């Protein structure tokens, strides 16, 4: 293909192990008999949609732009499959799902209701949050993602930013990290506290944790690509060897790693007018209050992730109606936090001061 830039220009991403085209290459190389038996290739939710539609015909497979853009053989810039790349990786062309646009119908349920094609998790989060160009979503799950809504596709030769598509006809450049809420889990376990107490401890320490820094690569890292790296503490002294300092360093270290993702998005042309914080880690008060200082941008949090839950929600968090989801801007009830001057920033930008 001619290297990373050629791949990025062709399909919007540089293949790594997580993309479908790489897995098909592995299957063809290591299990050729199973590769030969493969009649069609689709993603898990495409299979579920197909089963719900109930036709049983492989030519009835459907998918959406967001998940097609993560295969490595669908071109985000052109909106078309690249069968030449599929042949290059797999040796032939299996049946592929038709890629539907924002208003596409994938089938009909037995009761007559139209069936949508679904979406990838991050694209669905952007839709549910009503994200628009200028918004960056940061999702803090076990791993982390930072992604923005864009009018034009990304083409990052380094592979740091994957140039995905979204559900609305726009694009969703995205950076993924391996270490997000698991960093908070590890810190809470190390200190023998729950997440609410970890948050309280972090907020009781000064910004910058008096120089104590945590490099949060506890499971290696994919952004940057350091699969064999480990986490490390720097600046540990008698003064900083307290639970509060460690809690603060854990929160800031995790957020600084995600801020590297924001920087990569900005390098691809993204605007950061505000950050929409989602995922389980966004329930932490410390994360919500420290994030604006690290990201250097206002942060808003949807209400269903704004506190640690005391009871199950009455309905699924993603069950906002499509009409509500497509309204610009966050609902008034969203919590919002703006950056404030931080004594740890000095001459550096806030997001880099603790990495």
Protein backbone atom coordinates (compact mmCIF):
# COMPACT_ATOMS: atom_id res chain seq x y z
CA UNK A 1 0.00 0.00 0.00
CA UNK A 2 2.93 2.37 0.37
CA UNK A 3 2.89 2.98 4.12
CA UNK A 4 0.75 4.76 6.67
CA UNK A 5 -0.14 7.78 4.57
CA UNK A 6 -1.38 5.59 1.72
CA UNK A 7 -3.65 3.66 4.09
CA UNK A 8 -4.90 6.84 5.78
CA UNK A 9 -5.69 8.44 2.43
CA UNK A 10 -7.40 5.28 1.15
CA UNK A 11 -9.60 4.29 4.09
CA UNK A 12 -9.02 6.87 6.84
CA UNK A 13 -6.96 4.67 9.15
CA UNK A 14 -3.74 2.70 9.47
CA UNK A 15 -4.55 -0.96 10.24
CA UNK A 16 -3.69 -2.34 13.67
CA UNK A 17 -4.76 -5.60 15.32
CA UNK A 18 -8.21 -4.31 16.31
CA UNK A 19 -9.46 -3.63 12.77
CA UNK A 20 -11.39 -6.21 10.75
CA UNK A 21 -9.01 -6.29 7.81
CA UNK A 22 -6.13 -7.28 10.09
CA UNK A 23 -8.17 -10.10 11.63
CA UNK A 24 -9.11 -11.39 8.18
CA UNK A 25 -5.46 -11.39 7.19
CA UNK A 26 -4.64 -13.40 10.32
CA UNK A 27 -7.45 -15.87 9.56
CA UNK A 28 -6.30 -16.37 5.97
CA UNK A 29 -2.70 -16.90 7.09
CA UNK A 30 -3.21 -19.04 10.20
CA UNK A 31 -6.52 -20.84 9.61
CA UNK A 32 -6.90 -21.10 5.83
CA UNK A 33 -9.53 -23.84 6.09
CA UNK A 34 -11.78 -21.58 8.16
CA UNK A 35 -11.06 -18.69 5.81
CA UNK A 36 -12.18 -20.85 2.88
CA UNK A 37 -15.45 -21.65 4.69
CA UNK A 38 -16.25 -17.95 5.21
CA UNK A 39 -19.12 -16.88 2.97
CA UNK A 40 -19.80 -13.43 4.44
CA UNK A 41 -18.12 -11.03 6.85
CA UNK A 42 -20.03 -8.67 9.13
CA UNK A 43 -19.68 -7.16 12.59
CA UNK A 44 -21.55 -8.53 15.63
CA UNK A 45 -24.33 -5.96 15.69
CA UNK A 46 -24.80 -6.41 11.93
CA UNK A 47 -25.42 -10.11 12.56
CA UNK A 48 -27.95 -9.23 15.26
CA UNK A 49 -29.73 -6.79 12.92
CA UNK A 50 -29.78 -9.50 10.24
CA UNK A 51 -31.29 -12.02 12.64
CA UNK A 52 -33.92 -9.51 13.77
CA UNK A 53 -34.85 -8.81 10.15
CA UNK A 54 -35.37 -12.55 9.75
CA UNK A 55 -34.77 -12.98 6.02
CA UNK A 56 -31.93 -15.48 6.35
CA UNK A 57 -30.38 -14.24 3.10
CA UNK A 58 -26.74 -13.20 3.23
CA UNK A 59 -27.42 -10.46 0.69
CA UNK A 60 -29.75 -8.88 3.29
CA UNK A 61 -26.84 -8.02 5.61
CA UNK A 62 -26.74 -4.32 6.49
CA UNK A 63 -24.37 -2.09 8.45
CA UNK A 64 -23.87 1.62 9.10
CA UNK A 65 -21.14 4.10 8.23
CA UNK A 66 -19.59 4.22 11.69
CA UNK A 67 -18.83 0.51 11.94
CA UNK A 68 -17.99 0.12 8.25
CA UNK A 69 -15.33 2.79 8.73
CA UNK A 70 -13.53 0.58 11.25
CA UNK A 71 -13.09 -2.39 8.95
CA UNK A 72 -10.08 -1.16 6.98
CA UNK A 73 -11.69 -2.03 3.64
CA UNK A 74 -14.39 0.66 3.54
CA UNK A 75 -13.22 4.11 2.51
CA UNK A 76 -14.32 6.90 4.82
CA UNK A 77 -13.37 9.58 2.25
CA UNK A 78 -15.37 8.02 -0.63
CA UNK A 79 -18.05 6.08 1.22
CA UNK A 80 -17.30 2.94 -0.80
CA UNK A 81 -15.85 -0.49 -0.15
CA UNK A 82 -12.30 -1.15 -1.33
CA UNK A 83 -12.49 -4.73 -2.67
CA UNK A 84 -8.87 -4.50 -3.81
CA UNK A 85 -7.75 -4.14 -0.18
CA UNK A 86 -10.01 -6.97 0.89
CA UNK A 87 -8.46 -9.21 -1.76
CA UNK A 88 -5.01 -8.11 -0.66
CA UNK A 89 -5.72 -9.14 2.93
CA UNK A 90 -8.06 -12.11 2.52
CA UNK A 91 -7.35 -13.39 -0.97
CA UNK A 92 -10.93 -13.00 -2.20
CA UNK A 93 -14.16 -11.04 -1.68
CA UNK A 94 -16.72 -12.53 0.72
CA UNK A 95 -20.22 -11.09 0.88
CA UNK A 96 -20.24 -7.77 2.74
CA UNK A 97 -23.13 -5.82 4.31
CA UNK A 98 -24.69 -2.95 2.44
CA UNK A 99 -23.65 0.30 4.16
CA UNK A 100 -26.68 2.43 5.02
CA UNK A 101 -26.74 6.17 5.56
CA UNK A 102 -28.33 8.12 8.41
CA UNK A 103 -31.92 7.46 7.29
CA UNK A 104 -31.40 3.92 5.98
CA UNK A 105 -33.71 1.08 7.00
CA UNK A 106 -32.09 -2.32 7.52
CA UNK A 107 -35.32 -4.32 7.59
CA UNK A 108 -38.67 -4.65 9.28
CA UNK A 109 -39.54 -6.35 12.55
CA UNK A 110 -42.42 -8.86 12.60
CA UNK A 111 -44.72 -6.22 14.08
CA UNK A 112 -43.98 -3.84 11.22
CA UNK A 113 -41.54 -1.48 12.97
CA UNK A 114 -38.60 -0.36 10.82
CA UNK A 115 -35.20 -1.66 11.87
CA UNK A 116 -32.22 0.69 11.90
CA UNK A 117 -28.68 -0.43 11.11
CA UNK A 118 -27.27 0.37 14.56
CA UNK A 119 -23.98 2.14 15.19
CA UNK A 120 -20.62 1.77 16.85
CA UNK A 121 -20.52 2.64 20.54
CA UNK A 122 -18.62 5.90 20.17
CA UNK A 123 -20.73 7.06 17.23
CA UNK A 124 -23.87 6.24 19.21
CA UNK A 125 -22.51 8.26 22.16
CA UNK A 126 -21.90 11.25 19.90
CA UNK A 127 -25.44 11.00 18.51
CA UNK A 128 -27.00 10.61 21.94
CA UNK A 129 -25.05 13.59 23.27
CA UNK A 130 -26.13 15.79 20.38
CA UNK A 131 -22.47 16.48 19.55
CA UNK A 132 -21.69 19.00 16.82
CA UNK A 133 -18.48 20.22 15.15
CA UNK A 134 -16.47 21.93 17.88
CA UNK A 135 -17.42 19.28 20.43
CA UNK A 136 -14.97 16.64 21.62
CA UNK A 137 -16.27 13.65 23.53
CA UNK A 138 -14.02 11.94 26.04
CA UNK A 139 -15.25 8.52 27.10
CA UNK A 140 -13.75 7.11 30.29
CA UNK A 141 -14.47 3.41 30.39
CA UNK A 142 -11.98 0.67 31.22
CA UNK A 143 -10.13 2.03 28.21
CA UNK A 144 -10.57 5.58 26.96
CA UNK A 145 -11.44 7.38 23.77
CA UNK A 146 -11.35 10.98 22.62
CA UNK A 147 -13.29 11.79 19.47
CA UNK A 148 -14.74 14.79 17.70
CA UNK A 149 -17.45 15.51 15.17
CA UNK A 150 -15.96 16.81 11.92
CA UNK A 151 -17.20 17.93 8.51
CA UNK A 152 -14.21 16.37 6.72
CA UNK A 153 -12.51 12.98 7.19
CA UNK A 154 -9.18 12.63 8.99
CA UNK A 155 -6.12 11.05 7.38
CA UNK A 156 -3.42 10.59 10.02
CA UNK A 157 -0.39 8.76 8.62
CA UNK A 158 0.84 7.96 12.12
CA UNK A 159 -2.31 5.97 12.88
CA UNK A 160 -2.85 7.84 16.14
CA UNK A 161 -6.16 9.27 14.91
CA UNK A 162 -8.52 6.82 13.24
CA UNK A 163 -10.67 8.56 10.64
CA UNK A 164 -14.05 7.00 11.38
CA UNK A 165 -17.46 8.10 10.12
CA UNK A 166 -20.39 9.02 12.36
CA UNK A 167 -24.13 8.28 12.19
CA UNK A 168 -25.25 11.63 10.75
CA UNK A 169 -23.22 11.84 7.54
CA UNK A 170 -20.31 13.62 9.20
CA UNK A 171 -17.03 12.13 10.43
CA UNK A 172 -15.68 10.98 13.78
CA UNK A 173 -11.88 11.19 14.11
CA UNK A 174 -10.98 9.15 17.18
CA UNK A 175 -8.05 8.36 19.47
CA UNK A 176 -8.18 5.26 21.69
CA UNK A 177 -6.17 4.59 24.84
CA UNK A 178 -5.91 1.37 26.84
CA UNK A 179 -5.81 2.97 30.29
CA UNK A 180 -8.67 5.05 31.60
CA UNK A 181 -11.04 4.05 34.43
CA UNK A 182 -8.84 1.03 35.14
CA UNK A 183 -6.27 3.54 36.45
CA UNK A 184 -8.82 4.75 39.00
CA UNK A 185 -9.70 1.15 39.83
CA UNK A 186 -6.03 0.36 40.47
CA UNK A 187 -5.51 3.46 42.63
CA UNK A 188 -8.63 2.71 44.71
CA UNK A 189 -7.51 -0.89 45.18
CA UNK A 190 -4.00 0.18 46.15
CA UNK A 191 -5.35 2.63 48.74
CA UNK A 192 -8.07 0.28 49.98
CA UNK A 193 -10.89 2.77 49.33
CA UNK A 194 -13.99 2.97 47.16
CA UNK A 195 -14.30 5.35 44.23
CA UNK A 196 -16.16 8.02 46.16
CA UNK A 197 -13.35 8.17 48.75
CA UNK A 198 -10.71 8.14 46.00
CA UNK A 199 -12.40 11.19 44.51
CA UNK A 200 -12.52 12.95 47.89
CA UNK A 201 -8.83 12.23 48.47
CA UNK A 202 -7.85 13.52 45.03
CA UNK A 203 -9.70 16.78 45.57
CA UNK A 204 -8.04 17.27 48.96
CA UNK A 205 -4.57 17.34 47.34
CA UNK A 206 -3.21 20.40 45.51
CA UNK A 207 -3.24 20.58 41.69
CA UNK A 208 -0.16 18.81 40.39
CA UNK A 209 0.03 16.70 43.57
CA UNK A 210 3.14 18.67 44.64
CA UNK A 211 5.07 17.12 41.75
CA UNK A 212 3.92 13.51 42.12
CA UNK A 213 3.17 12.18 38.64
CA UNK A 214 1.72 8.86 37.53
CA UNK A 215 2.47 7.56 34.04
CA UNK A 216 -0.71 5.48 33.70
CA UNK A 217 0.37 2.80 31.22
CA UNK A 218 -0.75 -0.05 33.48
CA UNK A 219 -1.66 -2.42 30.62
CA UNK A 220 0.84 -1.20 28.07
CA UNK A 221 -0.53 1.50 25.79
CA UNK A 222 -1.80 1.85 22.24
CA UNK A 223 -1.62 5.67 22.05
CA UNK A 224 1.31 6.05 21.99
CA UNK A 225 2.02 2.54 20.71
CA UNK A 226 3.94 1.10 23.67
CA UNK A 227 2.51 -2.38 24.24
CA UNK A 228 5.22 -3.42 26.70
CA UNK A 229 5.28 -0.27 28.81
CA UNK A 230 4.31 -0.18 32.47
CA UNK A 231 3.02 2.45 34.86
CA UNK A 232 5.41 4.44 37.00
CA UNK A 233 5.37 7.06 39.75
CA UNK A 234 7.70 10.06 39.63
CA UNK A 235 8.35 12.67 42.28
CA UNK A 236 7.68 10.40 45.24
CA UNK A 237 8.97 12.01 48.44
CA UNK A 238 8.04 11.89 52.09
CA UNK A 239 5.82 14.89 51.49
CA UNK A 240 4.00 13.33 48.53
CA UNK A 241 3.70 9.79 49.91
CA UNK A 242 0.14 10.31 51.12
CA UNK A 243 -3.13 8.75 49.94
CA UNK A 244 -4.35 12.15 48.79
CA UNK A 245 -1.30 12.80 46.61
CA UNK A 246 -1.48 9.35 45.04
CA UNK A 247 -5.20 9.73 44.34
CA UNK A 248 -4.60 13.12 42.72
CA UNK A 249 -1.71 11.78 40.63
CA UNK A 250 -3.88 8.89 39.42
CA UNK A 251 -6.70 11.17 38.28
CA UNK A 252 -4.36 13.69 36.67
CA UNK A 253 -2.23 11.00 35.02
CA UNK A 254 -5.27 9.36 33.45
CA UNK A 255 -6.62 12.71 32.25
CA UNK A 256 -3.25 13.80 30.86
CA UNK A 257 -3.08 10.63 28.78
CA UNK A 258 -6.53 11.41 27.38
CA UNK A 259 -5.43 15.00 26.77
CA UNK A 260 -2.72 13.63 24.50
CA UNK A 261 -5.61 12.31 22.44
CA UNK A 262 -7.15 15.78 22.32
CA UNK A 263 -3.85 17.15 21.06
CA UNK A 264 -3.79 14.55 18.30
CA UNK A 265 -7.32 15.51 17.27
CA UNK A 266 -6.38 19.19 17.20
CA UNK A 267 -3.40 18.33 14.99
CA UNK A 268 -5.94 16.84 12.55
CA UNK A 269 -7.94 20.07 12.53
CA UNK A 270 -10.44 19.49 15.34
CA UNK A 271 -11.84 22.44 17.29
CA UNK A 272 -12.24 22.01 21.05
CA UNK A 273 -14.98 24.43 22.06
CA UNK A 274 -16.12 22.10 24.82
CA UNK A 275 -15.53 18.56 26.04
CA UNK A 276 -18.47 16.23 26.67
CA UNK A 277 -17.44 13.73 29.34
CA UNK A 278 -19.10 10.30 29.24
CA UNK A 279 -18.45 6.78 30.53
CA UNK A 280 -18.29 5.30 34.00
CA UNK A 281 -15.21 7.29 35.00
CA UNK A 282 -17.13 10.53 34.46
CA UNK A 283 -19.13 9.73 37.61
CA UNK A 284 -16.11 10.72 39.68
CA UNK A 285 -16.43 14.24 41.06
CA UNK A 286 -12.65 14.55 41.00
CA UNK A 287 -12.53 13.65 37.31
CA UNK A 288 -15.25 16.17 36.50
CA UNK A 289 -13.60 18.99 38.46
CA UNK A 290 -10.00 18.33 37.39
CA UNK A 291 -10.73 17.61 33.71
CA UNK A 292 -11.25 21.26 32.66
CA UNK A 293 -7.84 22.20 34.11
CA UNK A 294 -6.10 19.38 32.26
CA UNK A 295 -8.01 19.72 28.98
CA UNK A 296 -7.95 23.50 28.97
CA UNK A 297 -11.59 23.62 27.83
CA UNK A 298 -15.08 23.72 29.35
CA UNK A 299 -16.40 20.29 30.30
CA UNK A 300 -20.07 19.24 30.32
CA UNK A 301 -21.40 15.98 31.73
CA UNK A 302 -24.75 14.37 30.82
CA UNK A 303 -26.90 13.87 33.93
CA UNK A 304 -26.97 10.07 33.94
CA UNK A 305 -23.21 9.85 34.39
CA UNK A 306 -22.80 12.84 36.71
CA UNK A 307 -22.83 10.92 40.02
CA UNK A 308 -22.00 7.47 41.31
CA UNK A 309 -25.35 5.63 41.06
CA UNK A 310 -27.28 4.56 44.15
CA UNK A 311 -29.94 2.66 42.20
CA UNK A 312 -30.33 1.32 38.65
CA UNK A 313 -31.59 3.89 36.14
CA UNK A 314 -35.26 3.71 35.25
CA UNK A 315 -34.38 3.31 31.57
CA UNK A 316 -31.20 2.68 29.59
CA UNK A 317 -28.87 5.72 29.49
CA UNK A 318 -28.93 5.75 25.68
CA UNK A 319 -32.72 5.81 25.36
CA UNK A 320 -33.12 9.47 24.41
CA UNK A 321 -35.39 9.87 21.42
CA UNK A 322 -33.83 10.50 18.03
CA UNK A 323 -35.50 13.89 17.86
CA UNK A 324 -33.97 14.94 21.19
CA UNK A 325 -30.57 13.55 20.22
CA UNK A 326 -30.42 15.69 17.11
CA UNK A 327 -31.06 18.97 18.92
CA UNK A 328 -27.93 21.18 19.02
CA UNK A 329 -26.14 21.64 22.32
CA UNK A 330 -26.55 19.95 25.70
CA UNK A 331 -29.76 20.06 27.72
CA UNK A 332 -29.80 22.76 30.38
CA UNK A 333 -29.66 20.16 33.16
CA UNK A 334 -26.17 18.99 32.13
CA UNK A 335 -23.46 19.89 34.61
CA UNK A 336 -20.77 22.19 33.29
CA UNK A 337 -17.29 22.99 34.57
CA UNK A 338 -14.87 25.53 33.15
CA UNK A 339 -11.08 25.59 33.43
CA UNK A 340 -9.49 27.74 36.09
CA UNK A 341 -5.89 28.86 36.55
CA UNK A 342 -3.78 26.01 37.90
CA UNK A 343 -0.57 26.53 39.89
CA UNK A 344 0.92 23.47 38.21
CA UNK A 345 0.67 24.87 34.68
CA UNK A 346 3.55 27.35 34.78
CA UNK A 347 4.76 28.03 31.28
CA UNK A 348 3.41 24.70 30.04
CA UNK A 349 -0.14 24.15 28.86
CA UNK A 350 -2.31 22.60 31.58
CA UNK A 351 -2.76 19.31 29.76
CA UNK A 352 0.96 18.63 29.59
CA UNK A 353 2.14 19.85 32.96
CA UNK A 354 1.89 16.50 34.73
CA UNK A 355 3.12 14.12 31.99
